[in-house]
C-alpha cells in the first residue's frame, strides 16, 4: 500500500508524534503552537524551552507506544483545514458553476452558501477520520528520538529515526 512506503510511513509516524507532543505541551503552554512533519522528524513552533520539548516529546512517544492512539489526532491539524476548504469550496462551486450569468449567480448565492455549510458539517467528522487512516500512523514501530535542536526562538527541530 502506498501509505506504507518508507518516506510516507515515516512522515505519517512523525506526524502522529508531532500531534501527541502538541497535546502534551498544551497542558502547560498557552498561546499559539504548531508543527510540521517530514520523514526525518518534525518542527515545533511555539514559545517552548528545549527541556520541555524533550520531556513532552518523550512522554508522547511513550503514551503512543502504550496504545493511546487518539493522541495522534489533533483538532488543529492541516488535514482538518484542507478537508473543510475542499468540501466547502467544491460544494459551493458545484452550485455556482451552473450559472450562466451574473444575475443567476447572485440568485444561486444562498444555495451556494448552504452547500458550503453542508461541506463544513461533513468535514468536521471527516477530517479526524482522514488523520487516523491516512495522514498519521500511531503505531510508531521502532521510532526513536535522536535529537531536539532549538533552531531559533520559537522553533525546535525534533529528529527521529
N, C-alpha and C. Protein backbone atom coordinates (compact mmCIF):
# COMPACT_ATOMS: atom_id res chain seq x y z
N UNK A 1 0.85 -1.18 0.00
CA UNK A 1 0.00 0.00 0.00
C UNK A 1 0.89 1.24 0.00
N UNK A 2 0.45 2.27 -0.68
CA UNK A 2 1.25 3.49 -0.83
C UNK A 2 1.53 4.16 0.52
N UNK A 3 0.59 4.07 1.47
CA UNK A 3 0.78 4.70 2.78
C UNK A 3 1.89 4.04 3.59
N UNK A 4 2.28 2.83 3.19
CA UNK A 4 3.34 2.11 3.91
C UNK A 4 4.70 2.22 3.23
N UNK A 5 4.80 2.99 2.16
CA UNK A 5 6.11 3.21 1.55
C UNK A 5 6.99 3.98 2.54
N UNK A 6 8.29 3.69 2.58
CA UNK A 6 9.15 4.23 3.65
C UNK A 6 9.01 5.71 3.94
N UNK A 7 9.20 6.59 2.99
CA UNK A 7 9.15 8.02 3.29
C UNK A 7 7.76 8.46 3.75
N UNK A 8 6.75 7.86 3.17
CA UNK A 8 5.37 8.23 3.54
C UNK A 8 5.06 7.73 4.95
N UNK A 9 5.40 6.47 5.24
CA UNK A 9 5.14 5.92 6.57
C UNK A 9 5.91 6.68 7.65
N UNK A 10 7.16 7.01 7.37
CA UNK A 10 7.95 7.76 8.35
C UNK A 10 7.34 9.14 8.61
N UNK A 11 6.86 9.78 7.56
CA UNK A 11 6.21 11.08 7.73
C UNK A 11 4.92 10.93 8.54
N UNK A 12 4.14 9.92 8.25
CA UNK A 12 2.89 9.69 8.99
C UNK A 12 3.16 9.41 10.47
N UNK A 13 4.20 8.65 10.76
CA UNK A 13 4.56 8.37 12.16
C UNK A 13 5.05 9.64 12.86
N UNK A 14 5.86 10.42 12.17
CA UNK A 14 6.32 11.69 12.76
C UNK A 14 5.16 12.65 12.96
N UNK A 15 4.21 12.62 12.04
CA UNK A 15 3.02 13.46 12.17
C UNK A 15 2.23 13.06 13.42
N UNK A 16 2.11 11.77 13.68
CA UNK A 16 1.43 11.29 14.89
C UNK A 16 2.17 11.74 16.15
N UNK A 17 3.49 11.61 16.15
CA UNK A 17 4.27 12.03 17.31
C UNK A 17 4.21 13.54 17.48
N UNK A 18 4.21 14.28 16.39
CA UNK A 18 4.07 15.74 16.47
C UNK A 18 2.75 16.10 17.15
N UNK A 19 1.66 15.49 16.70
CA UNK A 19 0.35 15.78 17.31
C UNK A 19 0.34 15.42 18.79
N UNK A 20 0.84 14.24 19.12
CA UNK A 20 0.86 13.81 20.52
C UNK A 20 1.71 14.77 21.36
N UNK A 21 2.81 15.22 20.82
CA UNK A 21 3.67 16.18 21.53
C UNK A 21 2.92 17.50 21.76
N UNK A 22 2.21 17.96 20.75
CA UNK A 22 1.44 19.20 20.90
C UNK A 22 0.35 19.04 21.97
N UNK A 23 -0.27 17.86 22.02
CA UNK A 23 -1.24 17.60 23.10
C UNK A 23 -0.58 17.70 24.47
N UNK A 24 0.61 17.13 24.59
CA UNK A 24 1.33 17.16 25.88
C UNK A 24 1.71 18.60 26.23
N UNK A 25 2.25 19.32 25.27
CA UNK A 25 2.68 20.70 25.52
C UNK A 25 1.50 21.61 25.87
N UNK A 26 0.33 21.34 25.30
CA UNK A 26 -0.84 22.19 25.52
C UNK A 26 -1.32 22.16 26.97
N UNK A 27 -0.91 21.15 27.72
CA UNK A 27 -1.32 21.06 29.13
C UNK A 27 -0.73 22.20 29.95
N UNK A 28 0.47 22.65 29.57
CA UNK A 28 1.16 23.66 30.37
C UNK A 28 1.52 24.92 29.59
N UNK A 29 1.41 24.90 28.30
CA UNK A 29 1.78 26.05 27.48
C UNK A 29 0.54 26.60 26.80
N UNK A 30 0.32 27.86 27.00
CA UNK A 30 -0.80 28.55 26.35
C UNK A 30 -0.24 29.35 25.17
N UNK A 31 -1.10 29.73 24.31
CA UNK A 31 -0.66 30.51 23.17
C UNK A 31 -0.57 29.67 21.92
N UNK A 32 -0.06 30.28 20.86
CA UNK A 32 -0.01 29.63 19.56
C UNK A 32 1.09 28.57 19.53
N UNK A 33 0.75 27.44 18.93
CA UNK A 33 1.73 26.39 18.70
C UNK A 33 1.33 25.65 17.43
N UNK A 34 2.33 25.11 16.76
CA UNK A 34 2.08 24.40 15.51
C UNK A 34 3.23 23.44 15.27
N UNK A 35 3.08 22.63 14.24
CA UNK A 35 4.13 21.69 13.88
C UNK A 35 4.10 21.41 12.39
N UNK A 36 5.18 20.80 11.93
CA UNK A 36 5.29 20.39 10.53
C UNK A 36 6.18 19.16 10.48
N UNK A 37 5.66 18.08 9.92
CA UNK A 37 6.37 16.80 9.91
C UNK A 37 6.96 16.48 8.55
N UNK A 38 8.00 15.65 8.58
CA UNK A 38 8.61 15.12 7.37
C UNK A 38 9.20 13.75 7.72
N UNK A 39 9.84 13.06 6.80
CA UNK A 39 10.32 11.70 7.10
C UNK A 39 11.40 11.62 8.19
N UNK A 40 12.09 12.70 8.47
CA UNK A 40 13.19 12.64 9.45
C UNK A 40 12.84 13.28 10.79
N UNK A 41 11.59 13.68 10.97
CA UNK A 41 11.19 14.28 12.24
C UNK A 41 10.12 15.32 12.04
N UNK A 42 10.20 16.35 12.87
CA UNK A 42 9.22 17.43 12.74
C UNK A 42 9.74 18.70 13.40
N UNK A 43 9.13 19.80 13.00
CA UNK A 43 9.40 21.10 13.60
C UNK A 43 8.25 21.43 14.54
N UNK A 44 8.58 22.04 15.67
CA UNK A 44 7.57 22.58 16.57
C UNK A 44 7.73 24.08 16.61
N UNK A 45 6.64 24.78 16.46
CA UNK A 45 6.64 26.23 16.53
C UNK A 45 5.84 26.65 17.76
N UNK A 46 6.47 27.39 18.62
CA UNK A 46 5.83 27.86 19.84
C UNK A 46 6.90 28.30 20.83
N UNK A 47 6.48 28.99 21.84
CA UNK A 47 7.41 29.51 22.84
C UNK A 47 7.69 28.43 23.89
N UNK A 48 8.56 27.47 23.54
CA UNK A 48 8.89 26.34 24.40
C UNK A 48 10.36 26.37 24.79
N UNK A 49 10.65 25.90 25.98
CA UNK A 49 12.02 25.66 26.37
C UNK A 49 12.41 24.27 25.89
N UNK A 50 13.66 24.12 25.48
CA UNK A 50 14.12 22.85 24.94
C UNK A 50 13.91 21.69 25.91
N UNK A 51 14.20 21.83 27.22
CA UNK A 51 13.93 20.71 28.13
C UNK A 51 12.44 20.32 28.18
N UNK A 52 11.55 21.30 28.02
CA UNK A 52 10.12 21.00 27.97
C UNK A 52 9.77 20.21 26.71
N UNK A 53 10.38 20.57 25.60
CA UNK A 53 10.14 19.84 24.35
C UNK A 53 10.62 18.40 24.51
N UNK A 54 11.80 18.21 25.08
CA UNK A 54 12.33 16.86 25.31
C UNK A 54 11.37 16.04 26.18
N UNK A 55 10.96 16.61 27.31
CA UNK A 55 10.10 15.88 28.25
C UNK A 55 8.76 15.53 27.61
N UNK A 56 8.16 16.47 26.92
CA UNK A 56 6.84 16.23 26.35
C UNK A 56 6.89 15.32 25.13
N UNK A 57 7.93 15.42 24.32
CA UNK A 57 8.07 14.53 23.17
C UNK A 57 8.32 13.10 23.64
N UNK A 58 9.13 12.94 24.67
CA UNK A 58 9.40 11.61 25.23
C UNK A 58 8.12 11.01 25.80
N UNK A 59 7.36 11.82 26.55
CA UNK A 59 6.09 11.33 27.10
C UNK A 59 5.12 10.96 25.98
N UNK A 60 5.06 11.78 24.95
CA UNK A 60 4.17 11.50 23.82
C UNK A 60 4.54 10.18 23.16
N UNK A 61 5.83 9.94 22.95
CA UNK A 61 6.29 8.69 22.35
C UNK A 61 5.88 7.50 23.21
N UNK A 62 6.09 7.61 24.52
CA UNK A 62 5.73 6.52 25.44
C UNK A 62 4.23 6.27 25.43
N UNK A 63 3.44 7.32 25.46
CA UNK A 63 1.99 7.15 25.52
C UNK A 63 1.44 6.57 24.21
N UNK A 64 2.00 6.98 23.07
CA UNK A 64 1.58 6.35 21.81
C UNK A 64 1.95 4.87 21.81
N UNK A 65 3.14 4.56 22.29
CA UNK A 65 3.57 3.15 22.35
C UNK A 65 2.68 2.32 23.28
N UNK A 66 2.14 2.98 24.31
CA UNK A 66 1.25 2.29 25.26
C UNK A 66 -0.18 2.16 24.72
N UNK A 67 -0.41 2.63 23.52
CA UNK A 67 -1.72 2.44 22.89
C UNK A 67 -2.65 3.62 22.88
N UNK A 68 -2.21 4.80 23.31
CA UNK A 68 -3.07 5.99 23.30
C UNK A 68 -3.08 6.61 21.90
N UNK A 69 -3.62 5.87 20.95
CA UNK A 69 -3.58 6.29 19.55
C UNK A 69 -4.38 7.57 19.30
N UNK A 70 -5.32 7.89 20.15
CA UNK A 70 -6.09 9.13 20.00
C UNK A 70 -5.23 10.38 20.07
N UNK A 71 -4.05 10.26 20.68
CA UNK A 71 -3.14 11.41 20.74
C UNK A 71 -2.60 11.79 19.36
N UNK A 72 -2.71 10.89 18.40
CA UNK A 72 -2.23 11.17 17.04
C UNK A 72 -3.19 12.07 16.27
N UNK A 73 -4.38 12.27 16.81
CA UNK A 73 -5.39 13.11 16.15
C UNK A 73 -5.41 14.46 16.84
N UNK A 74 -5.35 15.53 16.04
CA UNK A 74 -5.31 16.88 16.62
C UNK A 74 -6.30 17.78 15.88
N UNK A 75 -7.09 18.52 16.65
CA UNK A 75 -8.10 19.41 16.06
C UNK A 75 -7.48 20.49 15.18
N UNK A 76 -6.27 20.91 15.48
CA UNK A 76 -5.62 21.97 14.71
C UNK A 76 -4.84 21.48 13.51
N UNK A 77 -5.01 20.23 13.14
CA UNK A 77 -4.25 19.65 12.03
C UNK A 77 -4.67 20.25 10.69
N UNK A 78 -3.70 20.44 9.83
CA UNK A 78 -3.96 20.94 8.49
C UNK A 78 -4.88 20.04 7.69
N UNK A 79 -4.91 18.75 8.02
CA UNK A 79 -5.83 17.83 7.35
C UNK A 79 -7.27 18.29 7.55
N UNK A 80 -7.59 18.72 8.77
CA UNK A 80 -8.95 19.21 9.04
C UNK A 80 -9.23 20.47 8.22
N UNK A 81 -8.27 21.39 8.19
CA UNK A 81 -8.46 22.63 7.45
C UNK A 81 -8.60 22.37 5.95
N UNK A 82 -7.76 21.50 5.43
CA UNK A 82 -7.80 21.19 4.00
C UNK A 82 -9.11 20.49 3.63
N UNK A 83 -9.55 19.57 4.47
CA UNK A 83 -10.81 18.87 4.22
C UNK A 83 -11.98 19.85 4.20
N UNK A 84 -11.99 20.76 5.17
CA UNK A 84 -13.05 21.75 5.24
C UNK A 84 -13.05 22.66 4.01
N UNK A 85 -11.89 23.17 3.66
CA UNK A 85 -11.80 24.07 2.50
C UNK A 85 -12.18 23.34 1.21
N UNK A 86 -11.72 22.11 1.05
CA UNK A 86 -12.00 21.37 -0.17
C UNK A 86 -13.49 21.07 -0.31
N UNK A 87 -14.11 20.58 0.76
CA UNK A 87 -15.53 20.25 0.67
C UNK A 87 -16.40 21.49 0.53
N UNK A 88 -16.17 22.50 1.36
CA UNK A 88 -16.98 23.72 1.28
C UNK A 88 -16.82 24.38 -0.09
N UNK A 89 -15.59 24.47 -0.55
CA UNK A 89 -15.35 25.08 -1.86
C UNK A 89 -15.96 24.29 -3.00
N UNK A 90 -15.80 22.98 -2.97
CA UNK A 90 -16.34 22.14 -4.04
C UNK A 90 -17.86 22.18 -4.05
N UNK A 91 -18.47 22.10 -2.87
CA UNK A 91 -19.93 22.10 -2.81
C UNK A 91 -20.49 23.44 -3.31
N UNK A 92 -19.91 24.55 -2.89
CA UNK A 92 -20.43 25.85 -3.33
C UNK A 92 -20.14 26.07 -4.82
N UNK A 93 -18.97 25.66 -5.27
CA UNK A 93 -18.62 25.80 -6.68
C UNK A 93 -19.57 24.98 -7.56
N UNK A 94 -19.93 23.78 -7.08
CA UNK A 94 -20.81 22.93 -7.90
C UNK A 94 -22.17 23.58 -8.11
N UNK A 95 -22.60 24.40 -7.17
CA UNK A 95 -23.86 25.14 -7.35
C UNK A 95 -23.66 26.30 -8.31
N UNK A 96 -22.61 27.08 -8.08
CA UNK A 96 -22.41 28.30 -8.87
C UNK A 96 -21.99 28.03 -10.31
N UNK A 97 -21.40 26.90 -10.57
CA UNK A 97 -20.92 26.62 -11.92
C UNK A 97 -22.07 26.43 -12.90
N UNK A 98 -23.24 26.17 -12.37
CA UNK A 98 -24.41 26.01 -13.25
C UNK A 98 -24.88 27.35 -13.82
N UNK A 99 -24.51 28.44 -13.17
CA UNK A 99 -24.99 29.76 -13.58
C UNK A 99 -24.29 30.24 -14.84
N UNK A 100 -25.07 30.78 -15.74
CA UNK A 100 -24.51 31.30 -16.99
C UNK A 100 -24.34 32.82 -16.94
N UNK A 101 -25.00 33.46 -15.98
CA UNK A 101 -24.91 34.92 -15.91
C UNK A 101 -24.67 35.36 -14.47
N UNK A 102 -24.26 36.61 -14.34
CA UNK A 102 -24.01 37.17 -13.02
C UNK A 102 -25.29 37.21 -12.20
N UNK A 103 -26.39 37.52 -12.81
CA UNK A 103 -27.68 37.57 -12.11
C UNK A 103 -28.04 36.18 -11.57
N UNK A 104 -27.85 35.17 -12.38
CA UNK A 104 -28.15 33.81 -11.93
C UNK A 104 -27.23 33.42 -10.78
N UNK A 105 -25.98 33.81 -10.86
CA UNK A 105 -25.04 33.53 -9.75
C UNK A 105 -25.52 34.19 -8.47
N UNK A 106 -25.95 35.43 -8.57
CA UNK A 106 -26.45 36.13 -7.39
C UNK A 106 -27.68 35.43 -6.81
N UNK A 107 -28.55 34.97 -7.69
CA UNK A 107 -29.75 34.26 -7.22
C UNK A 107 -29.41 32.91 -6.59
N UNK A 108 -28.34 32.29 -7.08
CA UNK A 108 -27.92 30.99 -6.54
C UNK A 108 -27.04 31.12 -5.29
N UNK A 109 -26.62 32.32 -4.98
CA UNK A 109 -25.70 32.52 -3.86
C UNK A 109 -26.19 31.93 -2.54
N UNK A 110 -27.44 32.11 -2.15
CA UNK A 110 -27.89 31.48 -0.89
C UNK A 110 -27.79 29.96 -0.91
N UNK A 111 -28.04 29.36 -2.06
CA UNK A 111 -27.92 27.90 -2.18
C UNK A 111 -26.44 27.51 -2.11
N UNK A 112 -25.58 28.30 -2.74
CA UNK A 112 -24.14 28.00 -2.70
C UNK A 112 -23.61 28.10 -1.28
N UNK A 113 -24.05 29.10 -0.53
CA UNK A 113 -23.63 29.25 0.87
C UNK A 113 -24.12 28.06 1.68
N UNK A 114 -25.35 27.66 1.46
CA UNK A 114 -25.90 26.49 2.16
C UNK A 114 -25.09 25.24 1.82
N UNK A 115 -24.73 25.08 0.55
CA UNK A 115 -23.91 23.94 0.14
C UNK A 115 -22.55 23.98 0.83
N UNK A 116 -21.97 25.17 0.95
CA UNK A 116 -20.69 25.31 1.64
C UNK A 116 -20.82 24.90 3.11
N UNK A 117 -21.90 25.32 3.74
CA UNK A 117 -22.14 24.94 5.15
C UNK A 117 -22.27 23.42 5.28
N UNK A 118 -22.96 22.80 4.35
CA UNK A 118 -23.07 21.33 4.36
C UNK A 118 -21.67 20.72 4.24
N UNK A 119 -20.84 21.28 3.38
CA UNK A 119 -19.46 20.80 3.25
C UNK A 119 -18.70 20.91 4.55
N UNK A 120 -18.85 22.03 5.25
CA UNK A 120 -18.19 22.22 6.54
C UNK A 120 -18.69 21.18 7.55
N UNK A 121 -20.00 20.96 7.57
CA UNK A 121 -20.57 20.00 8.52
C UNK A 121 -20.09 18.57 8.26
N UNK A 122 -19.94 18.23 7.00
CA UNK A 122 -19.41 16.90 6.65
C UNK A 122 -17.93 16.80 6.99
N UNK A 123 -17.19 17.89 6.79
CA UNK A 123 -15.74 17.89 7.03
C UNK A 123 -15.39 17.73 8.50
N UNK A 124 -16.25 18.23 9.39
CA UNK A 124 -15.92 18.17 10.83
C UNK A 124 -15.62 16.74 11.30
N UNK A 125 -16.47 15.76 11.03
CA UNK A 125 -16.11 14.40 11.44
C UNK A 125 -15.15 13.71 10.46
N UNK A 126 -15.14 14.16 9.21
CA UNK A 126 -14.30 13.51 8.20
C UNK A 126 -12.81 13.81 8.40
N UNK A 127 -12.46 15.03 8.78
CA UNK A 127 -11.06 15.40 8.96
C UNK A 127 -10.32 14.48 9.93
N UNK A 128 -10.86 14.26 11.14
CA UNK A 128 -10.19 13.34 12.06
C UNK A 128 -10.09 11.90 11.54
N UNK A 129 -11.09 11.47 10.78
CA UNK A 129 -11.03 10.12 10.19
C UNK A 129 -9.89 10.06 9.18
N UNK A 130 -9.75 11.10 8.37
CA UNK A 130 -8.64 11.14 7.41
C UNK A 130 -7.29 11.17 8.12
N UNK A 131 -7.21 11.89 9.24
CA UNK A 131 -5.97 11.88 10.02
C UNK A 131 -5.66 10.46 10.48
N UNK A 132 -6.66 9.81 11.06
CA UNK A 132 -6.45 8.47 11.62
C UNK A 132 -6.04 7.46 10.55
N UNK A 133 -6.67 7.53 9.38
CA UNK A 133 -6.47 6.49 8.37
C UNK A 133 -5.41 6.82 7.32
N UNK A 134 -5.11 8.13 7.15
CA UNK A 134 -4.21 8.50 6.05
C UNK A 134 -3.01 9.32 6.50
N UNK A 135 -3.22 10.43 7.19
CA UNK A 135 -2.10 11.37 7.39
C UNK A 135 -1.28 11.11 8.64
N UNK A 136 -1.76 10.25 9.55
CA UNK A 136 -0.94 9.88 10.71
C UNK A 136 -0.91 8.36 10.84
N UNK A 137 0.10 7.88 11.57
CA UNK A 137 0.21 6.46 11.90
C UNK A 137 0.66 6.37 13.36
N UNK A 138 -0.28 5.98 14.24
CA UNK A 138 0.01 5.96 15.68
C UNK A 138 0.92 4.81 16.09
N UNK A 139 1.03 3.77 15.26
CA UNK A 139 1.97 2.68 15.55
C UNK A 139 3.35 3.15 15.09
N UNK A 140 4.17 3.54 16.05
CA UNK A 140 5.45 4.16 15.74
C UNK A 140 6.57 3.17 15.43
N UNK A 141 6.28 1.88 15.52
CA UNK A 141 7.33 0.90 15.24
C UNK A 141 8.51 1.09 16.18
N UNK A 142 9.69 1.11 15.63
CA UNK A 142 10.90 1.25 16.46
C UNK A 142 11.43 2.69 16.48
N UNK A 143 10.56 3.64 16.24
CA UNK A 143 10.98 5.04 16.20
C UNK A 143 11.70 5.44 17.47
N UNK A 144 12.74 6.26 17.29
CA UNK A 144 13.50 6.82 18.41
C UNK A 144 13.64 8.32 18.20
N UNK A 145 13.70 9.04 19.31
CA UNK A 145 14.01 10.47 19.25
C UNK A 145 15.53 10.57 19.28
N UNK A 146 16.10 11.10 18.23
CA UNK A 146 17.56 11.19 18.11
C UNK A 146 18.07 12.49 18.74
N UNK A 147 17.42 13.60 18.45
CA UNK A 147 17.87 14.88 18.99
C UNK A 147 16.74 15.90 18.89
N UNK A 148 16.82 16.90 19.72
CA UNK A 148 15.91 18.04 19.64
C UNK A 148 16.77 19.29 19.65
N UNK A 149 16.66 20.04 18.58
CA UNK A 149 17.55 21.18 18.37
C UNK A 149 16.74 22.48 18.36
N UNK A 150 17.10 23.45 19.20
CA UNK A 150 16.47 24.76 19.08
C UNK A 150 17.03 25.47 17.85
N UNK A 151 16.21 25.69 16.85
CA UNK A 151 16.65 26.29 15.60
C UNK A 151 16.81 27.80 15.76
N UNK A 152 15.80 28.41 16.33
CA UNK A 152 15.80 29.83 16.68
C UNK A 152 14.64 30.03 17.63
N UNK A 153 14.47 31.23 18.12
CA UNK A 153 13.40 31.50 19.08
C UNK A 153 12.05 31.08 18.48
N UNK A 154 11.37 30.20 19.19
CA UNK A 154 10.05 29.76 18.76
C UNK A 154 10.04 28.57 17.81
N UNK A 155 11.23 28.01 17.50
CA UNK A 155 11.29 26.88 16.56
C UNK A 155 12.23 25.81 17.11
N UNK A 156 11.72 24.59 17.24
CA UNK A 156 12.54 23.43 17.60
C UNK A 156 12.43 22.38 16.50
N UNK A 157 13.53 21.70 16.25
CA UNK A 157 13.58 20.59 15.30
C UNK A 157 13.72 19.31 16.08
N UNK A 158 12.75 18.41 15.93
CA UNK A 158 12.80 17.10 16.57
C UNK A 158 13.24 16.11 15.50
N UNK A 159 14.36 15.45 15.73
CA UNK A 159 14.91 14.49 14.76
C UNK A 159 14.62 13.09 15.27
N UNK A 160 14.03 12.27 14.40
CA UNK A 160 13.70 10.89 14.76
C UNK A 160 14.36 9.92 13.78
N UNK A 161 14.34 8.67 14.20
CA UNK A 161 14.81 7.58 13.30
C UNK A 161 14.00 6.36 13.62
